[in-house]
Amino acid sequence: METTTEVCPRCHSRLTLREGKYGKFWGCKNFPKCVGTLPYDRYMSEQELADYFANRSKPQQIKIEKFVNIVSGYCICPHCNERTLVTGLGLRFDECKFSNNTNLKDWGYDVLFISWSAILPEKERIEKQILNRYSTVRKYGKKKNYYGHICDHCHQKINNKYVYDDLTNVTPFGVHSKETLYLERIKLYKSININIRICGDLSPTTQFLKRIEYIK
């Protein structure tokens, strides 16, 4: 079994080379008691590293079958420093299907947060919900249209981090944020196919579900 001189970031035991659905990674020898991991790309050759990121940068086709999850939480407005609500699409690992038979947990997520612009245009019912209830506006740019968030207090537009790509690196959706997240489910009468780019790693799986409260 191939090992490395690096130690587990959680328990400091030795790491061994493992392989998941989406490729190789370094996993703690004490698994399943410890789920500490490091990405394999720390030890890849230059060519392996280039191939790895080229494959993971491709858009992924995902089918949403039963519910659209609107996830919301509070951030600090950069204009007035007040707490204001921002939202995004929440994909649960057990509620969506990848065309290549991978799972969100293969990318390191139990829930993935995506900006509404990433799936524009969307169903009228969903758009009505986010525009009317969550201080979201639809903008029309020269090159592309997008959704933007408006501060509930000063009514200024929140910065672009909440407009493009995935939201897992910004508060309140970030991995290290301690903000409570709220999830509202909209029932679908037919499935939706979306194409998105996922910025993630093989593991460990982030535990966003623990921070979510459901809106009924």
C-alpha atoms as a PDB file:
ATOM      1  CA  MET A   1       0.000   0.000   0.000  1.00  0.00           C
ATOM      2  CA  GLU A   2       1.454   3.354  -1.051  1.00  0.00           C
ATOM      3  CA  THR A   3       2.007   5.844   1.787  1.00  0.00           C
ATOM      4  CA  THR A   4       3.347   9.380   2.145  1.00  0.00           C
ATOM      5  CA  THR A   5       5.446  11.292   4.659  1.00  0.00           C
ATOM      6  CA  GLU A   6       2.516  13.691   5.142  1.00  0.00           C
ATOM      7  CA  VAL A   7       0.291  13.040   8.165  1.00  0.00           C
ATOM      8  CA  CYS A   8      -3.470  13.155   8.564  1.00  0.00           C
ATOM      9  CA  PRO A   9      -4.685  16.754   9.128  1.00  0.00           C
ATOM     10  CA  ARG A  10      -7.181  15.489  11.737  1.00  0.00           C
ATOM     11  CA  CYS A  11      -5.449  12.829  13.872  1.00  0.00           C
ATOM     12  CA  HIS A  12      -1.839  13.082  12.590  1.00  0.00           C
ATOM     13  CA  SER A  13      -1.647   9.389  11.649  1.00  0.00           C
ATOM     14  CA  ARG A  14      -0.094   8.144   8.418  1.00  0.00           C
ATOM     15  CA  LEU A  15      -1.932   8.663   5.115  1.00  0.00           C
ATOM     16  CA  THR A  16      -2.375   5.965   2.470  1.00  0.00           C
ATOM     17  CA  LEU A  17      -3.255   6.267  -1.200  1.00  0.00           C
ATOM     18  CA  ARG A  18      -6.933   5.552  -1.875  1.00  0.00           C
ATOM     19  CA  GLU A  19      -9.204   5.783  -4.884  1.00  0.00           C
ATOM     20  CA  GLY A  20     -12.792   7.075  -4.987  1.00  0.00           C
ATOM     21  CA  LYS A  21     -15.318   7.361  -7.779  1.00  0.00           C
ATOM     22  CA  TYR A  22     -13.599  10.445  -9.135  1.00  0.00           C
ATOM     23  CA  GLY A  23      -9.967   9.531  -8.645  1.00  0.00           C
ATOM     24  CA  LYS A  24      -7.136   9.143  -6.147  1.00  0.00           C
ATOM     25  CA  PHE A  25      -6.684  10.861  -2.796  1.00  0.00           C
ATOM     26  CA  TRP A  26      -4.672  10.407   0.401  1.00  0.00           C
ATOM     27  CA  GLY A  27      -6.826   8.990   3.220  1.00  0.00           C
ATOM     28  CA  CYS A  28      -6.136   8.379   6.908  1.00  0.00           C
ATOM     29  CA  LYS A  29      -5.094   4.811   7.748  1.00  0.00           C
ATOM     30  CA  ASN A  30      -7.554   4.943  10.680  1.00  0.00           C
ATOM     31  CA  PHE A  31     -10.586   5.205   8.385  1.00  0.00           C
ATOM     32  CA  PRO A  32     -13.523   4.896   9.165  1.00  0.00           C
ATOM     33  CA  LYS A  33     -12.779   6.128  12.695  1.00  0.00           C
ATOM     34  CA  CYS A  34     -11.031   9.108  11.123  1.00  0.00           C
ATOM     35  CA  VAL A  35     -12.023  10.600   7.754  1.00  0.00           C
ATOM     36  CA  GLY A  36      -9.062  12.939   7.374  1.00  0.00           C
ATOM     37  CA  THR A  37      -7.769  13.309   3.808  1.00  0.00           C
ATOM     38  CA  LEU A  38      -5.446  15.321   1.600  1.00  0.00           C
ATOM     39  CA  PRO A  39      -5.897  15.858  -2.152  1.00  0.00           C
ATOM     40  CA  TYR A  40      -3.834  13.637  -4.412  1.00  0.00           C
ATOM     41  CA  ASP A  41      -2.735  16.627  -6.498  1.00  0.00           C
ATOM     42  CA  ARG A  42      -0.188  17.573  -3.819  1.00  0.00           C
ATOM     43  CA  TYR A  43       1.946  14.703  -5.151  1.00  0.00           C
ATOM     44  CA  MET A  44       0.980  14.576  -8.834  1.00  0.00           C
ATOM     45  CA  SER A  45       3.424  15.088 -11.660  1.00  0.00           C
ATOM     46  CA  GLU A  46       2.949  18.270 -13.712  1.00  0.00           C
ATOM     47  CA  GLN A  47       1.134  16.332 -16.459  1.00  0.00           C
ATOM     48  CA  GLU A  48      -1.088  14.463 -13.992  1.00  0.00           C
ATOM     49  CA  LEU A  49      -1.928  17.754 -12.312  1.00  0.00           C
ATOM     50  CA  ALA A  50      -2.836  19.402 -15.638  1.00  0.00           C
ATOM     51  CA  ASP A  51      -5.055  16.465 -16.664  1.00  0.00           C
ATOM     52  CA  TYR A  52      -6.732  16.389 -13.256  1.00  0.00           C
ATOM     53  CA  PHE A  53      -7.766  20.045 -13.284  1.00  0.00           C
ATOM     54  CA  ALA A  54      -8.745  19.960 -16.965  1.00  0.00           C
ATOM     55  CA  ASN A  55     -11.194  17.152 -16.236  1.00  0.00           C
ATOM     56  CA  ARG A  56     -12.638  18.786 -13.129  1.00  0.00           C
ATOM     57  CA  SER A  57     -13.060  22.171 -14.816  1.00  0.00           C
ATOM     58  CA  LYS A  58     -15.525  20.775 -17.350  1.00  0.00           C
ATOM     59  CA  PRO A  59     -19.211  21.667 -16.847  1.00  0.00           C
ATOM     60  CA  GLN A  60     -21.156  18.912 -15.110  1.00  0.00           C
ATOM     61  CA  GLN A  61     -24.680  17.987 -16.199  1.00  0.00           C
ATOM     62  CA  ILE A  62     -26.972  17.524 -13.208  1.00  0.00           C
ATOM     63  CA  LYS A  63     -30.615  16.477 -13.065  1.00  0.00           C
ATOM     64  CA  ILE A  64     -32.813  17.909 -10.295  1.00  0.00           C
ATOM     65  CA  GLU A  65     -35.823  15.652  -9.924  1.00  0.00           C
ATOM     66  CA  LYS A  66     -38.134  16.465  -6.990  1.00  0.00           C
ATOM     67  CA  PHE A  67     -37.398  19.811  -5.368  1.00  0.00           C
ATOM     68  CA  VAL A  68     -35.636  23.090  -5.994  1.00  0.00           C
ATOM     69  CA  ASN A  69     -34.006  24.153  -2.736  1.00  0.00           C
ATOM     70  CA  ILE A  70     -33.758  27.883  -2.043  1.00  0.00           C
ATOM     71  CA  VAL A  71     -31.035  28.347   0.578  1.00  0.00           C
ATOM     72  CA  SER A  72     -30.757  31.690   2.356  1.00  0.00           C
ATOM     73  CA  GLY A  73     -28.581  33.225   5.040  1.00  0.00           C
ATOM     74  CA  TYR A  74     -27.245  36.546   6.294  1.00  0.00           C
ATOM     75  CA  CYS A  75     -24.103  38.399   5.267  1.00  0.00           C
ATOM     76  CA  ILE A  76     -22.748  41.878   6.031  1.00  0.00           C
ATOM     77  CA  CYS A  77     -23.585  44.433   3.351  1.00  0.00           C
ATOM     78  CA  PRO A  78     -20.325  46.029   2.097  1.00  0.00           C
ATOM     79  CA  HIS A  79     -22.114  49.389   1.681  1.00  0.00           C
ATOM     80  CA  CYS A  80     -23.902  49.914   5.019  1.00  0.00           C
ATOM     81  CA  ASN A  81     -22.450  47.126   7.240  1.00  0.00           C
ATOM     82  CA  GLU A  82     -25.913  45.821   8.122  1.00  0.00           C
ATOM     83  CA  ARG A  83     -26.881  42.149   8.078  1.00  0.00           C
ATOM     84  CA  THR A  84     -28.855  41.345   4.938  1.00  0.00           C
ATOM     85  CA  LEU A  85     -30.280  38.215   3.357  1.00  0.00           C
ATOM     86  CA  VAL A  86     -28.701  36.488   0.347  1.00  0.00           C
ATOM     87  CA  THR A  87     -29.846  33.311  -1.380  1.00  0.00           C
ATOM     88  CA  GLY A  88     -28.733  30.591  -3.736  1.00  0.00           C
ATOM     89  CA  LEU A  89     -29.708  27.241  -5.164  1.00  0.00           C
ATOM     90  CA  GLY A  90     -28.951  24.325  -2.839  1.00  0.00           C
ATOM     91  CA  LEU A  91     -28.183  20.919  -4.347  1.00  0.00           C
ATOM     92  CA  ARG A  92     -28.366  18.057  -1.846  1.00  0.00           C
ATOM     93  CA  PHE A  93     -26.162  15.035  -2.540  1.00  0.00           C
ATOM     94  CA  ASP A  94     -29.168  12.691  -2.264  1.00  0.00           C
ATOM     95  CA  GLU A  95     -31.537  14.733  -4.446  1.00  0.00           C
ATOM     96  CA  CYS A  96     -29.639  15.247  -7.702  1.00  0.00           C
ATOM     97  CA  LYS A  97     -28.092  12.979 -10.327  1.00  0.00           C
ATOM     98  CA  PHE A  98     -24.909  13.495 -12.346  1.00  0.00           C
ATOM     99  CA  SER A  99     -24.801  12.345 -15.960  1.00  0.00           C
ATOM    100  CA  ASN A 100     -21.389  10.714 -15.306  1.00  0.00           C
ATOM    101  CA  ASN A 101     -22.725   8.750 -12.290  1.00  0.00           C
ATOM    102  CA  THR A 102     -20.662  10.657  -9.735  1.00  0.00           C
ATOM    103  CA  ASN A 103     -22.161  12.084  -6.552  1.00  0.00           C
ATOM    104  CA  LEU A 104     -21.779  15.471  -4.876  1.00  0.00           C
ATOM    105  CA  LYS A 105     -19.883  13.753  -2.075  1.00  0.00           C
ATOM    106  CA  ASP A 106     -17.238  12.772  -4.635  1.00  0.00           C
ATOM    107  CA  TRP A 107     -16.592  16.510  -4.953  1.00  0.00           C
ATOM    108  CA  GLY A 108     -16.543  17.070  -1.188  1.00  0.00           C
ATOM    109  CA  TYR A 109     -20.084  18.375  -0.613  1.00  0.00           C
ATOM    110  CA  ASP A 110     -23.201  17.134   1.125  1.00  0.00           C
ATOM    111  CA  VAL A 111     -24.882  20.326  -0.122  1.00  0.00           C
ATOM    112  CA  LEU A 112     -23.580  22.513  -2.960  1.00  0.00           C
ATOM    113  CA  PHE A 113     -24.606  26.185  -3.080  1.00  0.00           C
ATOM    114  CA  ILE A 114     -24.870  27.785  -6.519  1.00  0.00           C
ATOM    115  CA  SER A 115     -25.784  31.316  -7.583  1.00  0.00           C
ATOM    116  CA  TRP A 116     -29.062  31.765  -9.443  1.00  0.00           C
ATOM    117  CA  SER A 117     -27.150  33.185 -12.404  1.00  0.00           C
ATOM    118  CA  ALA A 118     -25.501  29.787 -12.898  1.00  0.00           C
ATOM    119  CA  ILE A 119     -28.840  28.265 -13.934  1.00  0.00           C
ATOM    120  CA  LEU A 120     -30.377  31.257 -15.742  1.00  0.00           C
ATOM    121  CA  PRO A 121     -32.905  31.161 -17.290  1.00  0.00           C
ATOM    122  CA  GLU A 122     -35.082  29.099 -14.961  1.00  0.00           C
ATOM    123  CA  LYS A 123     -38.721  28.176 -14.468  1.00  0.00           C
ATOM    124  CA  GLU A 124     -41.110  31.098 -13.928  1.00  0.00           C
ATOM    125  CA  ARG A 125     -42.340  29.689 -10.626  1.00  0.00           C
ATOM    126  CA  ILE A 126     -38.846  29.615  -9.171  1.00  0.00           C
ATOM    127  CA  GLU A 127     -37.979  33.059 -10.499  1.00  0.00           C
ATOM    128  CA  LYS A 128     -41.147  34.556  -9.008  1.00  0.00           C
ATOM    129  CA  GLN A 129     -40.266  33.058  -5.641  1.00  0.00           C
ATOM    130  CA  ILE A 130     -36.734  34.450  -5.461  1.00  0.00           C
ATOM    131  CA  LEU A 131     -37.609  37.855  -6.932  1.00  0.00           C
ATOM    132  CA  ASN A 132     -40.612  38.528  -4.705  1.00  0.00           C
ATOM    133  CA  ARG A 133     -39.472  37.047  -1.400  1.00  0.00           C
ATOM    134  CA  TYR A 134     -35.691  37.326  -1.269  1.00  0.00           C
ATOM    135  CA  SER A 135     -34.669  40.850  -2.419  1.00  0.00           C
ATOM    136  CA  THR A 136     -33.300  39.477  -5.670  1.00  0.00           C
ATOM    137  CA  VAL A 137     -33.399  41.348  -8.982  1.00  0.00           C
ATOM    138  CA  ARG A 138     -32.844  40.222 -12.538  1.00  0.00           C
ATOM    139  CA  LYS A 139     -30.221  42.296 -14.339  1.00  0.00           C
ATOM    140  CA  TYR A 140     -29.632  42.628 -18.070  1.00  0.00           C
ATOM    141  CA  GLY A 141     -25.989  43.006 -19.009  1.00  0.00           C
ATOM    142  CA  LYS A 142     -24.386  43.638 -22.396  1.00  0.00           C
ATOM    143  CA  LYS A 143     -22.994  40.100 -22.624  1.00  0.00           C
ATOM    144  CA  LYS A 144     -25.263  38.081 -20.324  1.00  0.00           C
ATOM    145  CA  ASN A 145     -28.179  38.395 -17.941  1.00  0.00           C
ATOM    146  CA  TYR A 146     -27.858  37.560 -14.266  1.00  0.00           C
ATOM    147  CA  TYR A 147     -29.529  37.732 -10.861  1.00  0.00           C
ATOM    148  CA  GLY A 148     -28.263  40.117  -8.203  1.00  0.00           C
ATOM    149  CA  HIS A 149     -28.961  40.565  -4.482  1.00  0.00           C
ATOM    150  CA  ILE A 150     -30.166  43.878  -3.073  1.00  0.00           C
ATOM    151  CA  CYS A 151     -29.444  44.926   0.517  1.00  0.00           C
ATOM    152  CA  ASP A 152     -32.612  45.046   2.632  1.00  0.00           C
ATOM    153  CA  HIS A 153     -31.401  48.257   4.325  1.00  0.00           C
ATOM    154  CA  CYS A 154     -29.536  50.509   1.869  1.00  0.00           C
ATOM    155  CA  HIS A 155     -30.921  48.868  -1.301  1.00  0.00           C
ATOM    156  CA  GLN A 156     -27.488  48.706  -2.920  1.00  0.00           C
ATOM    157  CA  LYS A 157     -26.394  45.699  -4.982  1.00  0.00           C
ATOM    158  CA  ILE A 158     -24.318  43.104  -3.125  1.00  0.00           C
ATOM    159  CA  ASN A 159     -20.947  42.340  -4.757  1.00  0.00           C
ATOM    160  CA  ASN A 160     -20.361  39.865  -7.583  1.00  0.00           C
ATOM    161  CA  LYS A 161     -19.248  36.996  -5.352  1.00  0.00           C
ATOM    162  CA  TYR A 162     -22.951  36.282  -4.850  1.00  0.00           C
ATOM    163  CA  VAL A 163     -23.754  36.486  -8.567  1.00  0.00           C
ATOM    164  CA  TYR A 164     -21.421  34.118 -10.400  1.00  0.00           C
ATOM    165  CA  ASP A 165     -20.263  30.521  -9.951  1.00  0.00           C
ATOM    166  CA  ASP A 166     -20.658  28.519  -6.761  1.00  0.00           C
ATOM    167  CA  LEU A 167     -21.153  30.187  -3.389  1.00  0.00           C
ATOM    168  CA  THR A 168     -19.184  27.876  -1.122  1.00  0.00           C
ATOM    169  CA  ASN A 169     -16.380  30.389  -0.499  1.00  0.00           C
ATOM    170  CA  VAL A 170     -18.481  33.369   0.637  1.00  0.00           C
ATOM    171  CA  THR A 171     -20.375  34.102   3.868  1.00  0.00           C
ATOM    172  CA  PRO A 172     -22.881  32.752   4.868  1.00  0.00           C
ATOM    173  CA  PHE A 173     -22.383  29.787   2.524  1.00  0.00           C
ATOM    174  CA  GLY A 174     -18.664  29.363   3.160  1.00  0.00           C
ATOM    175  CA  VAL A 175     -17.113  26.252   4.661  1.00  0.00           C
ATOM    176  CA  HIS A 176     -15.869  28.137   7.736  1.00  0.00           C
ATOM    177  CA  SER A 177     -18.960  30.288   8.271  1.00  0.00           C
ATOM    178  CA  LYS A 178     -20.997  29.638  11.419  1.00  0.00           C
ATOM    179  CA  GLU A 179     -24.122  31.380  10.120  1.00  0.00           C
ATOM    180  CA  THR A 180     -27.360  29.399  10.183  1.00  0.00           C
ATOM    181  CA  LEU A 181     -28.737  28.608   6.728  1.00  0.00           C
ATOM    182  CA  TYR A 182     -32.435  28.343   5.865  1.00  0.00           C
ATOM    183  CA  LEU A 183     -33.821  26.045   3.189  1.00  0.00           C
ATOM    184  CA  GLU A 184     -37.165  26.406   1.411  1.00  0.00           C
ATOM    185  CA  ARG A 185     -38.240  23.640  -0.957  1.00  0.00           C
ATOM    186  CA  ILE A 186     -40.263  24.191  -4.141  1.00  0.00           C
ATOM    187  CA  LYS A 187     -41.823  21.053  -5.536  1.00  0.00           C
ATOM    188  CA  LEU A 188     -41.079  20.241  -9.174  1.00  0.00           C
ATOM    189  CA  TYR A 189     -43.613  18.676 -11.492  1.00  0.00           C
ATOM    190  CA  LYS A 190     -40.916  17.662 -13.953  1.00  0.00           C
ATOM    191  CA  SER A 191     -37.159  17.360 -13.657  1.00  0.00           C
ATOM    192  CA  ILE A 192     -34.696  20.138 -14.515  1.00  0.00           C
ATOM    193  CA  ASN A 193     -31.318  19.616 -16.190  1.00  0.00           C
ATOM    194  CA  ILE A 194     -28.578  22.149 -15.460  1.00  0.00           C
ATOM    195  CA  ASN A 195     -24.943  22.464 -16.511  1.00  0.00           C
ATOM    196  CA  ILE A 196     -22.588  23.905 -13.905  1.00  0.00           C
ATOM    197  CA  ARG A 197     -18.909  24.054 -13.039  1.00  0.00           C
ATOM    198  CA  ILE A 198     -18.117  22.758  -9.574  1.00  0.00           C
ATOM    199  CA  CYS A 199     -15.205  24.129  -7.569  1.00  0.00           C
ATOM    200  CA  GLY A 200     -14.497  21.337  -5.132  1.00  0.00           C
ATOM    201  CA  ASP A 201     -12.074  18.707  -3.970  1.00  0.00           C
ATOM    202  CA  LEU A 202     -12.323  14.969  -3.488  1.00  0.00           C
ATOM    203  CA  SER A 203     -12.799  15.093   0.271  1.00  0.00           C
ATOM    204  CA  PRO A 204     -13.370  15.463   3.165  1.00  0.00           C
ATOM    205  CA  THR A 205     -17.085  15.993   2.715  1.00  0.00           C
ATOM    206  CA  THR A 206     -18.293  19.287   4.121  1.00  0.00           C
ATOM    207  CA  GLN A 207     -21.188  18.989   6.557  1.00  0.00           C
ATOM    208  CA  PHE A 208     -23.442  21.866   5.493  1.00  0.00           C
ATOM    209  CA  LEU A 209     -26.602  19.906   6.344  1.00  0.00           C
ATOM    210  CA  LYS A 210     -25.839  20.383  10.044  1.00  0.00           C
ATOM    211  CA  ARG A 211     -26.212  24.156   9.646  1.00  0.00           C
ATOM    212  CA  ILE A 212     -29.514  24.109   7.753  1.00  0.00           C
ATOM    213  CA  GLU A 213     -32.963  24.814   9.169  1.00  0.00           C
ATOM    214  CA  TYR A 214     -35.943  23.962   6.972  1.00  0.00           C
ATOM    215  CA  ILE A 215     -38.639  26.526   6.187  1.00  0.00           C
ATOM    216  CA  LYS A 216     -42.097  24.962   6.082  1.00  0.00           C
END
